[in-house]
Amino acid sequence: MYALALSLESIIIEYLTIYFVRISPIVLSSLSITLSGIMLLSVGSIIFKNYNDLIKIFTKSWKSLIMASLSLSLGIYGWYDSINRIGASKEALIAAPIEIILIIILARVFLNERLNKFQIVGIFIGSLGFFLSLASDVPFDYFNNPNLSNFIVGANINSIFHTVFSLVSFGDLEAILSAVGFAVGVLFLGKLVKKHSSIQVAGASMFLSGMILVIFMVLSLLYETAFTPVQYLNESPSQVELLSVHRNLVLLFLFSLIPFIGSLSYVIGLRRIGASLTATIGSSNIVIILVIQIVLKELGYPSHLPENIFLATFGCIIGFLGIFVIHMSDLITAKSKRYY
């Protein structure tokens, strides 16, 4: 359920921001995440029937909560806006492996956690999948170019770096920035979960992240109103006008149910099958998104797929394999505890 919710959320973000409603990523992310956080807090309050732990999160653990929410708000906005620029498939292919790798590296640097052989091998495999996915917008004609081999032979380091960076778009950088935001946020959430209920931590961090994004949304709408030429406003409806349509508000509310279900599924997964298996299953969303979008494309529906499907598919398989290997040791440990 967690992986499916992530996949549907990414695909629907693409349709709402690019093809149909054309709602701004900052508007969509801020309102939907805030609503999802409120829903999650409500469920947590109903389950525990006690507000003391929730109050402690905002009063005694407010530093970790703010840092987690700031990081998550960066990750969420980068996620939504990257999908708007490069599509759901490529965003997931880039962000998923690099996020897991960053979590492992940050845990090693800041928490002094030791790297095992599975994690080291998984990092190398995941990195390969990341770079393959990054190059998935390069068409086959580029590799068939006869001048390419001459360029490689006579190239120096500066020209190689220039070529590599020329292949990276702003949307790609946003996907990487999103992974950084989520990776840092996970570390602070880990501290909070040790002291408080996981569902209330998830609800509080989502709500506060949404409110941070709401502040930026208001600033962006004010900027749009003040500095956008009148001629352009006449040609294209503003975000305020889009939100005044009742159908769009209903769509926004229905969409906010998806991150709510995803977060709730994640919390349930943590309690029942553990963090590693939940993360591994959740990472399968990169496969699900790519498959769904290829099917939609074949059926005639619009889908923003990478230019080079072969590289995207290969990067998808290698990236997921790297994530699986990274969590291999935890999965083996969990099985050994179950049997012994």
C-alpha atoms as a PDB file:
ATOM      1  CA  MET A   1       0.000   0.000   0.000  1.00  0.00           C
ATOM      2  CA  TYR A   2       2.847   2.387   0.875  1.00  0.00           C
ATOM      3  CA  ALA A   3       4.638   1.877  -2.462  1.00  0.00           C
ATOM      4  CA  LEU A   4       1.380   2.136  -4.413  1.00  0.00           C
ATOM      5  CA  ALA A   5       0.407   5.353  -2.618  1.00  0.00           C
ATOM      6  CA  LEU A   6       3.809   6.898  -3.410  1.00  0.00           C
ATOM      7  CA  SER A   7       3.499   5.863  -7.046  1.00  0.00           C
ATOM      8  CA  LEU A   8      -0.029   7.223  -7.474  1.00  0.00           C
ATOM      9  CA  GLU A   9       0.927  10.457  -5.720  1.00  0.00           C
ATOM     10  CA  SER A  10       3.825  11.077  -8.121  1.00  0.00           C
ATOM     11  CA  ILE A  11       1.785  10.267 -11.227  1.00  0.00           C
ATOM     12  CA  ILE A  12      -1.178  12.403 -10.134  1.00  0.00           C
ATOM     13  CA  ILE A  13       1.186  15.296  -9.312  1.00  0.00           C
ATOM     14  CA  GLU A  14       2.329  15.165 -12.935  1.00  0.00           C
ATOM     15  CA  TYR A  15      -1.237  15.251 -14.252  1.00  0.00           C
ATOM     16  CA  LEU A  16      -2.404  18.023 -11.899  1.00  0.00           C
ATOM     17  CA  THR A  17       0.602  20.302 -12.522  1.00  0.00           C
ATOM     18  CA  ILE A  18       1.270  19.668 -16.228  1.00  0.00           C
ATOM     19  CA  TYR A  19      -1.742  18.371 -18.125  1.00  0.00           C
ATOM     20  CA  PHE A  20      -5.104  19.059 -16.507  1.00  0.00           C
ATOM     21  CA  VAL A  21      -5.581  21.627 -13.719  1.00  0.00           C
ATOM     22  CA  ARG A  22      -2.086  23.123 -14.143  1.00  0.00           C
ATOM     23  CA  ILE A  23      -1.952  24.009 -10.473  1.00  0.00           C
ATOM     24  CA  SER A  24       1.396  25.290  -9.201  1.00  0.00           C
ATOM     25  CA  PRO A  25       3.603  22.704  -7.400  1.00  0.00           C
ATOM     26  CA  ILE A  26       3.986  25.021  -4.391  1.00  0.00           C
ATOM     27  CA  VAL A  27       0.199  25.422  -4.088  1.00  0.00           C
ATOM     28  CA  LEU A  28      -0.449  21.697  -4.523  1.00  0.00           C
ATOM     29  CA  SER A  29       2.267  20.629  -2.079  1.00  0.00           C
ATOM     30  CA  SER A  30       1.505  23.158   0.649  1.00  0.00           C
ATOM     31  CA  LEU A  31      -2.260  22.602   0.815  1.00  0.00           C
ATOM     32  CA  SER A  32      -2.243  18.823   0.328  1.00  0.00           C
ATOM     33  CA  ILE A  33       0.539  18.146   2.850  1.00  0.00           C
ATOM     34  CA  THR A  34      -1.094  20.423   5.449  1.00  0.00           C
ATOM     35  CA  LEU A  35      -4.432  18.627   5.033  1.00  0.00           C
ATOM     36  CA  SER A  36      -2.710  15.243   5.198  1.00  0.00           C
ATOM     37  CA  GLY A  37      -0.943  16.263   8.404  1.00  0.00           C
ATOM     38  CA  ILE A  38      -4.246  17.328   9.983  1.00  0.00           C
ATOM     39  CA  MET A  39      -5.820  13.983   9.010  1.00  0.00           C
ATOM     40  CA  LEU A  40      -2.887  12.039  10.440  1.00  0.00           C
ATOM     41  CA  LEU A  41      -2.961  14.020  13.709  1.00  0.00           C
ATOM     42  CA  SER A  42      -6.708  13.387  13.955  1.00  0.00           C
ATOM     43  CA  VAL A  43      -6.232   9.632  13.491  1.00  0.00           C
ATOM     44  CA  GLY A  44      -3.451   9.623  16.086  1.00  0.00           C
ATOM     45  CA  SER A  45      -5.659  11.470  18.567  1.00  0.00           C
ATOM     46  CA  ILE A  46      -8.528   9.015  18.003  1.00  0.00           C
ATOM     47  CA  ILE A  47      -6.262   5.983  18.453  1.00  0.00           C
ATOM     48  CA  PHE A  48      -4.403   7.135  21.576  1.00  0.00           C
ATOM     49  CA  LYS A  49      -7.145   9.368  23.052  1.00  0.00           C
ATOM     50  CA  ASN A  50      -4.371  11.286  24.747  1.00  0.00           C
ATOM     51  CA  TYR A  51      -2.992  14.677  23.729  1.00  0.00           C
ATOM     52  CA  ASN A  52      -0.087  14.708  26.198  1.00  0.00           C
ATOM     53  CA  ASP A  53       2.401  13.020  23.853  1.00  0.00           C
ATOM     54  CA  LEU A  54       1.399  15.310  21.003  1.00  0.00           C
ATOM     55  CA  ILE A  55       1.864  18.375  23.217  1.00  0.00           C
ATOM     56  CA  LYS A  56       5.313  17.090  24.234  1.00  0.00           C
ATOM     57  CA  ILE A  57       6.347  16.835  20.567  1.00  0.00           C
ATOM     58  CA  PHE A  58       5.630  20.534  20.040  1.00  0.00           C
ATOM     59  CA  THR A  59       7.001  21.696  23.412  1.00  0.00           C
ATOM     60  CA  LYS A  60       9.878  19.451  24.509  1.00  0.00           C
ATOM     61  CA  SER A  61      11.052  18.141  21.127  1.00  0.00           C
ATOM     62  CA  TRP A  62      10.394  21.276  19.113  1.00  0.00           C
ATOM     63  CA  LYS A  63      14.002  21.672  17.911  1.00  0.00           C
ATOM     64  CA  SER A  64      14.110  18.244  16.252  1.00  0.00           C
ATOM     65  CA  LEU A  65      10.563  18.765  14.948  1.00  0.00           C
ATOM     66  CA  ILE A  66      11.439  22.092  13.318  1.00  0.00           C
ATOM     67  CA  MET A  67      14.621  20.717  11.741  1.00  0.00           C
ATOM     68  CA  ALA A  68      12.753  17.653  10.469  1.00  0.00           C
ATOM     69  CA  SER A  69       9.924  19.791   9.082  1.00  0.00           C
ATOM     70  CA  LEU A  70      12.272  22.266   7.382  1.00  0.00           C
ATOM     71  CA  SER A  71      14.143  19.393   5.725  1.00  0.00           C
ATOM     72  CA  LEU A  72      10.936  17.615   4.723  1.00  0.00           C
ATOM     73  CA  SER A  73       9.395  20.802   3.309  1.00  0.00           C
ATOM     74  CA  LEU A  74      12.486  21.203   1.123  1.00  0.00           C
ATOM     75  CA  GLY A  75      12.215  17.571   0.052  1.00  0.00           C
ATOM     76  CA  ILE A  76       8.485  17.794  -0.647  1.00  0.00           C
ATOM     77  CA  TYR A  77       8.710  20.959  -2.729  1.00  0.00           C
ATOM     78  CA  GLY A  78      11.706  19.630  -4.658  1.00  0.00           C
ATOM     79  CA  TRP A  79       9.762  16.421  -5.297  1.00  0.00           C
ATOM     80  CA  TYR A  80       6.621  18.172  -6.585  1.00  0.00           C
ATOM     81  CA  ASP A  81       8.429  20.803  -8.648  1.00  0.00           C
ATOM     82  CA  SER A  82      10.872  18.272 -10.116  1.00  0.00           C
ATOM     83  CA  ILE A  83       7.954  16.144 -11.335  1.00  0.00           C
ATOM     84  CA  ASN A  84       6.506  19.261 -12.941  1.00  0.00           C
ATOM     85  CA  ARG A  85       9.775  19.718 -14.872  1.00  0.00           C
ATOM     86  CA  ILE A  86      11.078  16.208 -15.686  1.00  0.00           C
ATOM     87  CA  GLY A  87       8.111  13.915 -15.047  1.00  0.00           C
ATOM     88  CA  ALA A  88       7.254  11.393 -12.348  1.00  0.00           C
ATOM     89  CA  SER A  89       9.348   8.513 -13.722  1.00  0.00           C
ATOM     90  CA  LYS A  90      12.682  10.294 -13.988  1.00  0.00           C
ATOM     91  CA  GLU A  91      12.214  12.058 -10.658  1.00  0.00           C
ATOM     92  CA  ALA A  92      11.672   8.731  -8.899  1.00  0.00           C
ATOM     93  CA  LEU A  93      14.559   7.066 -10.745  1.00  0.00           C
ATOM     94  CA  ILE A  94      16.955   9.821  -9.647  1.00  0.00           C
ATOM     95  CA  ALA A  95      15.714  10.480  -6.110  1.00  0.00           C
ATOM     96  CA  ALA A  96      15.055   6.960  -4.769  1.00  0.00           C
ATOM     97  CA  PRO A  97      18.582   5.483  -4.860  1.00  0.00           C
ATOM     98  CA  ILE A  98      20.396   8.698  -3.953  1.00  0.00           C
ATOM     99  CA  GLU A  99      18.079   9.258  -0.949  1.00  0.00           C
ATOM    100  CA  ILE A 100      18.881   5.839   0.545  1.00  0.00           C
ATOM    101  CA  ILE A 101      22.596   6.344  -0.125  1.00  0.00           C
ATOM    102  CA  LEU A 102      22.522   9.772   1.552  1.00  0.00           C
ATOM    103  CA  ILE A 103      20.735   8.351   4.609  1.00  0.00           C
ATOM    104  CA  ILE A 104      23.461   5.718   5.007  1.00  0.00           C
ATOM    105  CA  ILE A 105      26.260   8.276   4.563  1.00  0.00           C
ATOM    106  CA  LEU A 106      24.685  10.853   6.919  1.00  0.00           C
ATOM    107  CA  ALA A 107      24.110   8.171   9.550  1.00  0.00           C
ATOM    108  CA  ARG A 108      27.782   7.207   9.254  1.00  0.00           C
ATOM    109  CA  VAL A 109      29.012  10.816   9.530  1.00  0.00           C
ATOM    110  CA  PHE A 110      26.679  12.201  12.209  1.00  0.00           C
ATOM    111  CA  LEU A 111      25.554   9.108  14.132  1.00  0.00           C
ATOM    112  CA  ASN A 112      28.816   7.122  13.854  1.00  0.00           C
ATOM    113  CA  GLU A 113      26.979   4.091  12.474  1.00  0.00           C
ATOM    114  CA  ARG A 114      29.282   1.507  10.909  1.00  0.00           C
ATOM    115  CA  LEU A 115      28.914   0.535   7.260  1.00  0.00           C
ATOM    116  CA  ASN A 116      28.632  -3.204   6.579  1.00  0.00           C
ATOM    117  CA  LYS A 117      29.618  -4.958   3.361  1.00  0.00           C
ATOM    118  CA  PHE A 118      26.039  -5.069   2.068  1.00  0.00           C
ATOM    119  CA  GLN A 119      25.683  -1.299   2.432  1.00  0.00           C
ATOM    120  CA  ILE A 120      29.015  -0.616   0.702  1.00  0.00           C
ATOM    121  CA  VAL A 121      28.140  -2.874  -2.255  1.00  0.00           C
ATOM    122  CA  GLY A 122      24.611  -1.442  -2.354  1.00  0.00           C
ATOM    123  CA  ILE A 123      25.949   2.121  -2.462  1.00  0.00           C
ATOM    124  CA  PHE A 124      28.073   1.320  -5.522  1.00  0.00           C
ATOM    125  CA  ILE A 125      25.179  -0.449  -7.292  1.00  0.00           C
ATOM    126  CA  GLY A 126      22.694   2.297  -6.384  1.00  0.00           C
ATOM    127  CA  SER A 127      25.116   4.987  -7.583  1.00  0.00           C
ATOM    128  CA  LEU A 128      25.362   3.240 -10.954  1.00  0.00           C
ATOM    129  CA  GLY A 129      21.576   3.170 -11.191  1.00  0.00           C
ATOM    130  CA  PHE A 130      21.474   6.863 -10.268  1.00  0.00           C
ATOM    131  CA  PHE A 131      23.890   7.895 -13.045  1.00  0.00           C
ATOM    132  CA  LEU A 132      22.111   5.709 -15.613  1.00  0.00           C
ATOM    133  CA  SER A 133      18.804   7.346 -14.671  1.00  0.00           C
ATOM    134  CA  LEU A 134      20.393  10.787 -14.806  1.00  0.00           C
ATOM    135  CA  ALA A 135      21.414  10.111 -18.429  1.00  0.00           C
ATOM    136  CA  SER A 136      18.035   8.634 -19.397  1.00  0.00           C
ATOM    137  CA  ASP A 137      17.015  11.769 -21.306  1.00  0.00           C
ATOM    138  CA  VAL A 138      19.947  11.325 -23.704  1.00  0.00           C
ATOM    139  CA  PRO A 139      18.590   9.908 -27.004  1.00  0.00           C
ATOM    140  CA  PHE A 140      20.181   6.928 -28.764  1.00  0.00           C
ATOM    141  CA  ASP A 141      21.300   9.207 -31.610  1.00  0.00           C
ATOM    142  CA  TYR A 142      23.717  10.891 -29.215  1.00  0.00           C
ATOM    143  CA  PHE A 143      25.570   7.622 -28.638  1.00  0.00           C
ATOM    144  CA  ASN A 144      25.591   6.827 -32.371  1.00  0.00           C
ATOM    145  CA  ASN A 145      27.283  10.124 -33.139  1.00  0.00           C
ATOM    146  CA  PRO A 146      30.633   9.315 -34.894  1.00  0.00           C
ATOM    147  CA  ASN A 147      32.224  12.408 -33.339  1.00  0.00           C
ATOM    148  CA  LEU A 148      31.554  11.053 -29.831  1.00  0.00           C
ATOM    149  CA  SER A 149      34.431   8.534 -29.919  1.00  0.00           C
ATOM    150  CA  ASN A 150      36.829  11.221 -31.176  1.00  0.00           C
ATOM    151  CA  PHE A 151      35.665  13.512 -28.398  1.00  0.00           C
ATOM    152  CA  ILE A 152      36.239  10.825 -25.728  1.00  0.00           C
ATOM    153  CA  VAL A 153      39.764  10.101 -26.983  1.00  0.00           C
ATOM    154  CA  GLY A 154      40.817  13.755 -27.046  1.00  0.00           C
ATOM    155  CA  ALA A 155      38.841  14.915 -24.048  1.00  0.00           C
ATOM    156  CA  ASN A 156      40.324  16.396 -20.916  1.00  0.00           C
ATOM    157  CA  ILE A 157      38.822  16.507 -17.437  1.00  0.00           C
ATOM    158  CA  ASN A 158      37.283  19.962 -17.887  1.00  0.00           C
ATOM    159  CA  SER A 159      35.513  19.040 -21.114  1.00  0.00           C
ATOM    160  CA  ILE A 160      34.185  15.799 -19.600  1.00  0.00           C
ATOM    161  CA  PHE A 161      32.771  17.634 -16.580  1.00  0.00           C
ATOM    162  CA  HIS A 162      31.246  20.249 -18.886  1.00  0.00           C
ATOM    163  CA  THR A 163      29.561  17.534 -20.946  1.00  0.00           C
ATOM    164  CA  VAL A 164      28.252  15.720 -17.871  1.00  0.00           C
ATOM    165  CA  PHE A 165      26.808  18.872 -16.311  1.00  0.00           C
ATOM    166  CA  SER A 166      25.234  19.869 -19.643  1.00  0.00           C
ATOM    167  CA  LEU A 167      23.150  16.690 -19.447  1.00  0.00           C
ATOM    168  CA  VAL A 168      21.775  17.611 -15.997  1.00  0.00           C
ATOM    169  CA  SER A 169      18.673  19.800 -16.059  1.00  0.00           C
ATOM    170  CA  PHE A 170      17.302  22.022 -13.314  1.00  0.00           C
ATOM    171  CA  GLY A 171      14.598  19.420 -12.685  1.00  0.00           C
ATOM    172  CA  ASP A 172      17.298  16.783 -12.150  1.00  0.00           C
ATOM    173  CA  LEU A 173      18.982  19.030  -9.574  1.00  0.00           C
ATOM    174  CA  GLU A 174      15.644  19.525  -7.825  1.00  0.00           C
ATOM    175  CA  ALA A 175      15.177  15.748  -7.622  1.00  0.00           C
ATOM    176  CA  ILE A 176      18.628  15.450  -6.018  1.00  0.00           C
ATOM    177  CA  LEU A 177      17.830  18.335  -3.640  1.00  0.00           C
ATOM    178  CA  SER A 178      14.578  16.576  -2.760  1.00  0.00           C
ATOM    179  CA  ALA A 179      16.512  13.429  -1.864  1.00  0.00           C
ATOM    180  CA  VAL A 180      18.837  15.489   0.352  1.00  0.00           C
ATOM    181  CA  GLY A 181      15.862  17.070   2.138  1.00  0.00           C
ATOM    182  CA  PHE A 182      14.173  13.730   2.790  1.00  0.00           C
ATOM    183  CA  ALA A 183      17.443  12.089   3.902  1.00  0.00           C
ATOM    184  CA  VAL A 184      18.164  14.814   6.475  1.00  0.00           C
ATOM    185  CA  GLY A 185      14.520  14.775   7.578  1.00  0.00           C
ATOM    186  CA  VAL A 186      14.651  11.015   8.193  1.00  0.00           C
ATOM    187  CA  LEU A 187      17.559  11.450  10.626  1.00  0.00           C
ATOM    188  CA  PHE A 188      15.635  13.975  12.741  1.00  0.00           C
ATOM    189  CA  LEU A 189      12.445  11.905  12.537  1.00  0.00           C
ATOM    190  CA  GLY A 190      14.455   8.941  13.835  1.00  0.00           C
ATOM    191  CA  LYS A 191      15.274  10.936  16.976  1.00  0.00           C
ATOM    192  CA  LEU A 192      11.617  11.895  17.465  1.00  0.00           C
ATOM    193  CA  VAL A 193      10.283   8.356  16.983  1.00  0.00           C
ATOM    194  CA  LYS A 194      12.517   7.111  19.824  1.00  0.00           C
ATOM    195  CA  LYS A 195      10.659   9.418  22.245  1.00  0.00           C
ATOM    196  CA  HIS A 196       7.150   9.697  20.804  1.00  0.00           C
ATOM    197  CA  SER A 197       4.490   7.767  18.898  1.00  0.00           C
ATOM    198  CA  SER A 198       5.407   7.288  15.230  1.00  0.00           C
ATOM    199  CA  ILE A 199       1.949   8.241  13.935  1.00  0.00           C
ATOM    200  CA  GLN A 200       1.909  11.479  15.935  1.00  0.00           C
ATOM    201  CA  VAL A 201       5.460  12.306  14.864  1.00  0.00           C
ATOM    202  CA  ALA A 202       4.453  11.739  11.224  1.00  0.00           C
ATOM    203  CA  GLY A 203       1.334  13.885  11.616  1.00  0.00           C
ATOM    204  CA  ALA A 204       3.136  16.712  13.425  1.00  0.00           C
ATOM    205  CA  SER A 205       6.016  16.816  10.924  1.00  0.00           C
ATOM    206  CA  MET A 206       3.661  16.723   7.925  1.00  0.00           C
ATOM    207  CA  PHE A 207       1.484  19.477   9.363  1.00  0.00           C
ATOM    208  CA  LEU A 208       4.435  21.744  10.205  1.00  0.00           C
ATOM    209  CA  SER A 209       6.068  21.032   6.817  1.00  0.00           C
ATOM    210  CA  GLY A 210       2.802  21.950   5.132  1.00  0.00           C
ATOM    211  CA  MET A 211       2.576  25.209   7.099  1.00  0.00           C
ATOM    212  CA  ILE A 212       6.143  26.116   6.088  1.00  0.00           C
ATOM    213  CA  LEU A 213       5.181  25.495   2.470  1.00  0.00           C
ATOM    214  CA  VAL A 214       1.988  27.561   2.948  1.00  0.00           C
ATOM    215  CA  ILE A 215       4.148  30.555   3.935  1.00  0.00           C
ATOM    216  CA  PHE A 216       6.171  30.197   0.739  1.00  0.00           C
ATOM    217  CA  MET A 217       2.945  29.711  -1.236  1.00  0.00           C
ATOM    218  CA  VAL A 218       1.514  32.984   0.070  1.00  0.00           C
ATOM    219  CA  LEU A 219       4.751  34.794  -0.785  1.00  0.00           C
ATOM    220  CA  SER A 220       4.761  33.309  -4.295  1.00  0.00           C
ATOM    221  CA  LEU A 221       1.113  34.255  -4.874  1.00  0.00           C
ATOM    222  CA  LEU A 222       1.792  37.808  -3.704  1.00  0.00           C
ATOM    223  CA  TYR A 223       4.764  37.973  -6.055  1.00  0.00           C
ATOM    224  CA  GLU A 224       2.637  36.616  -8.912  1.00  0.00           C
ATOM    225  CA  THR A 225      -0.090  39.189  -8.279  1.00  0.00           C
ATOM    226  CA  ALA A 226       2.304  42.120  -7.925  1.00  0.00           C
ATOM    227  CA  PHE A 227       4.811  41.465 -10.712  1.00  0.00           C
ATOM    228  CA  THR A 228       3.053  39.391 -13.378  1.00  0.00           C
ATOM    229  CA  PRO A 229       2.076  41.547 -16.397  1.00  0.00           C
ATOM    230  CA  VAL A 230      -1.659  42.142 -16.843  1.00  0.00           C
ATOM    231  CA  GLN A 231      -1.528  40.756 -20.392  1.00  0.00           C
ATOM    232  CA  TYR A 232      -0.176  37.427 -19.139  1.00  0.00           C
ATOM    233  CA  LEU A 233      -2.813  37.255 -16.374  1.00  0.00           C
ATOM    234  CA  ASN A 234      -5.525  37.655 -19.024  1.00  0.00           C
ATOM    235  CA  GLU A 235      -4.077  34.806 -21.094  1.00  0.00           C
ATOM    236  CA  SER A 236      -3.554  32.358 -18.219  1.00  0.00           C
ATOM    237  CA  PRO A 237      -5.635  32.089 -15.007  1.00  0.00           C
ATOM    238  CA  SER A 238      -3.817  32.783 -11.758  1.00  0.00           C
ATOM    239  CA  GLN A 239      -3.441  30.197  -8.993  1.00  0.00           C
ATOM    240  CA  VAL A 240      -5.977  32.106  -6.889  1.00  0.00           C
ATOM    241  CA  GLU A 241      -8.531  31.803  -9.716  1.00  0.00           C
ATOM    242  CA  LEU A 242      -7.802  28.083 -10.061  1.00  0.00           C
ATOM    243  CA  LEU A 243      -8.381  27.567  -6.340  1.00  0.00           C
ATOM    244  CA  SER A 244     -11.682  29.456  -6.500  1.00  0.00           C
ATOM    245  CA  VAL A 245     -13.141  26.734  -8.748  1.00  0.00           C
ATOM    246  CA  HIS A 246     -15.071  24.256  -6.598  1.00  0.00           C
ATOM    247  CA  ARG A 247     -14.046  21.270  -8.722  1.00  0.00           C
ATOM    248  CA  ASN A 248     -10.371  22.057  -8.163  1.00  0.00           C
ATOM    249  CA  LEU A 249     -10.890  22.326  -4.404  1.00  0.00           C
ATOM    250  CA  VAL A 250     -12.560  18.905  -4.383  1.00  0.00           C
ATOM    251  CA  LEU A 251      -9.665  17.479  -6.420  1.00  0.00           C
ATOM    252  CA  LEU A 252      -7.191  19.014  -3.980  1.00  0.00           C
ATOM    253  CA  PHE A 253      -8.953  17.468  -1.000  1.00  0.00           C
ATOM    254  CA  LEU A 254      -9.172  14.055  -2.677  1.00  0.00           C
ATOM    255  CA  PHE A 255      -5.509  14.267  -3.654  1.00  0.00           C
ATOM    256  CA  SER A 256      -4.505  15.021  -0.046  1.00  0.00           C
ATOM    257  CA  LEU A 257      -5.932  11.615   0.916  1.00  0.00           C
ATOM    258  CA  ILE A 258      -3.080   9.928  -0.995  1.00  0.00           C
ATOM    259  CA  PRO A 259      -0.146  11.300   1.071  1.00  0.00           C
ATOM    260  CA  PHE A 260      -2.280  10.657   4.171  1.00  0.00           C
ATOM    261  CA  ILE A 261      -2.789   6.995   3.205  1.00  0.00           C
ATOM    262  CA  GLY A 262       0.885   6.709   2.238  1.00  0.00           C
ATOM    263  CA  SER A 263       2.111   8.073   5.586  1.00  0.00           C
ATOM    264  CA  LEU A 264      -0.359   5.931   7.525  1.00  0.00           C
ATOM    265  CA  SER A 265       0.758   2.838   5.586  1.00  0.00           C
ATOM    266  CA  TYR A 266       4.388   3.696   6.322  1.00  0.00           C
ATOM    267  CA  VAL A 267       3.705   3.992  10.056  1.00  0.00           C
ATOM    268  CA  ILE A 268       1.807   0.677  10.090  1.00  0.00           C
ATOM    269  CA  GLY A 269       4.648  -0.933   8.116  1.00  0.00           C
ATOM    270  CA  LEU A 270       7.205   0.279  10.658  1.00  0.00           C
ATOM    271  CA  ARG A 271       5.297  -1.380  13.475  1.00  0.00           C
ATOM    272  CA  ARG A 272       4.550  -4.666  11.706  1.00  0.00           C
ATOM    273  CA  ILE A 273       7.489  -5.483   9.430  1.00  0.00           C
ATOM    274  CA  GLY A 274      10.230  -3.058  10.473  1.00  0.00           C
ATOM    275  CA  ALA A 275      11.947  -0.057   8.910  1.00  0.00           C
ATOM    276  CA  SER A 276      14.212  -1.885   6.438  1.00  0.00           C
ATOM    277  CA  LEU A 277      11.531  -4.043   4.824  1.00  0.00           C
ATOM    278  CA  THR A 278       9.117  -1.080   4.726  1.00  0.00           C
ATOM    279  CA  ALA A 279      11.770   1.093   3.024  1.00  0.00           C
ATOM    280  CA  THR A 280      12.629  -1.663   0.546  1.00  0.00           C
ATOM    281  CA  ILE A 281       8.979  -2.228  -0.379  1.00  0.00           C
ATOM    282  CA  GLY A 282       8.446   1.539  -0.617  1.00  0.00           C
ATOM    283  CA  SER A 283      11.410   1.845  -2.989  1.00  0.00           C
ATOM    284  CA  SER A 284       9.630  -0.430  -5.448  1.00  0.00           C
ATOM    285  CA  ASN A 285       7.628   2.666  -6.381  1.00  0.00           C
ATOM    286  CA  ILE A 286      10.342   3.486  -8.949  1.00  0.00           C
ATOM    287  CA  VAL A 287       9.404   0.290 -10.801  1.00  0.00           C
ATOM    288  CA  ILE A 288       5.657   0.839 -10.362  1.00  0.00           C
ATOM    289  CA  ILE A 289       5.762   4.435 -11.633  1.00  0.00           C
ATOM    290  CA  LEU A 290       7.794   3.552 -14.735  1.00  0.00           C
ATOM    291  CA  VAL A 291       5.548   0.590 -15.614  1.00  0.00           C
ATOM    292  CA  ILE A 292       2.317   2.553 -15.099  1.00  0.00           C
ATOM    293  CA  GLN A 293       3.533   5.493 -17.172  1.00  0.00           C
ATOM    294  CA  ILE A 294       4.697   3.246 -20.024  1.00  0.00           C
ATOM    295  CA  VAL A 295       1.257   1.559 -20.025  1.00  0.00           C
ATOM    296  CA  LEU A 296      -0.512   4.946 -19.964  1.00  0.00           C
ATOM    297  CA  LYS A 297       1.636   6.108 -22.875  1.00  0.00           C
ATOM    298  CA  GLU A 298       0.743   2.987 -24.875  1.00  0.00           C
ATOM    299  CA  LEU A 299      -2.941   3.572 -24.143  1.00  0.00           C
ATOM    300  CA  GLY A 300      -2.692   7.103 -25.556  1.00  0.00           C
ATOM    301  CA  TYR A 301      -2.663   9.056 -22.288  1.00  0.00           C
ATOM    302  CA  PRO A 302      -0.056  11.809 -21.793  1.00  0.00           C
ATOM    303  CA  SER A 303       2.993  10.760 -19.783  1.00  0.00           C
ATOM    304  CA  HIS A 304       6.297  12.560 -19.372  1.00  0.00           C
ATOM    305  CA  LEU A 305       8.681   9.640 -19.836  1.00  0.00           C
ATOM    306  CA  PRO A 306      12.480   9.833 -20.179  1.00  0.00           C
ATOM    307  CA  GLU A 307      13.752  10.135 -23.751  1.00  0.00           C
ATOM    308  CA  ASN A 308      15.779   6.921 -23.544  1.00  0.00           C
ATOM    309  CA  ILE A 309      13.479   4.214 -22.162  1.00  0.00           C
ATOM    310  CA  PHE A 310      16.238   1.589 -22.332  1.00  0.00           C
ATOM    311  CA  LEU A 311      18.549   3.593 -20.045  1.00  0.00           C
ATOM    312  CA  ALA A 312      15.609   4.470 -17.774  1.00  0.00           C
ATOM    313  CA  THR A 313      14.594   0.809 -17.423  1.00  0.00           C
ATOM    314  CA  PHE A 314      18.171  -0.338 -16.861  1.00  0.00           C
ATOM    315  CA  GLY A 315      18.736   2.445 -14.319  1.00  0.00           C
ATOM    316  CA  CYS A 316      15.460   1.507 -12.611  1.00  0.00           C
ATOM    317  CA  ILE A 317      16.490  -2.146 -12.199  1.00  0.00           C
ATOM    318  CA  ILE A 318      20.034  -1.312 -11.052  1.00  0.00           C
ATOM    319  CA  GLY A 319      18.813   1.417  -8.673  1.00  0.00           C
ATOM    320  CA  PHE A 320      16.244  -0.846  -7.012  1.00  0.00           C
ATOM    321  CA  LEU A 321      18.812  -3.645  -6.782  1.00  0.00           C
ATOM    322  CA  GLY A 322      21.186  -1.265  -4.986  1.00  0.00           C
ATOM    323  CA  ILE A 323      18.470  -0.292  -2.500  1.00  0.00           C
ATOM    324  CA  PHE A 324      17.637  -3.958  -1.905  1.00  0.00           C
ATOM    325  CA  VAL A 325      21.284  -4.849  -1.254  1.00  0.00           C
ATOM    326  CA  ILE A 326      21.682  -1.897   1.159  1.00  0.00           C
ATOM    327  CA  HIS A 327      18.840  -3.260   3.304  1.00  0.00           C
ATOM    328  CA  MET A 328      19.946  -6.884   2.884  1.00  0.00           C
ATOM    329  CA  SER A 329      21.790  -7.097   6.210  1.00  0.00           C
ATOM    330  CA  ASP A 330      18.810  -5.726   8.147  1.00  0.00           C
ATOM    331  CA  LEU A 331      16.477  -8.181   6.418  1.00  0.00           C
ATOM    332  CA  ILE A 332      18.773 -11.106   7.255  1.00  0.00           C
ATOM    333  CA  THR A 333      19.022  -9.966  10.886  1.00  0.00           C
ATOM    334  CA  ALA A 334      15.236  -9.656  11.128  1.00  0.00           C
ATOM    335  CA  LYS A 335      14.780 -13.199   9.746  1.00  0.00           C
ATOM    336  CA  SER A 336      17.391 -14.681  12.104  1.00  0.00           C
ATOM    337  CA  LYS A 337      15.645 -13.086  15.108  1.00  0.00           C
ATOM    338  CA  ARG A 338      12.344 -14.518  13.915  1.00  0.00           C
ATOM    339  CA  TYR A 339      13.669 -18.081  13.721  1.00  0.00           C
ATOM    340  CA  TYR A 340      15.898 -18.028  16.778  1.00  0.00           C
END
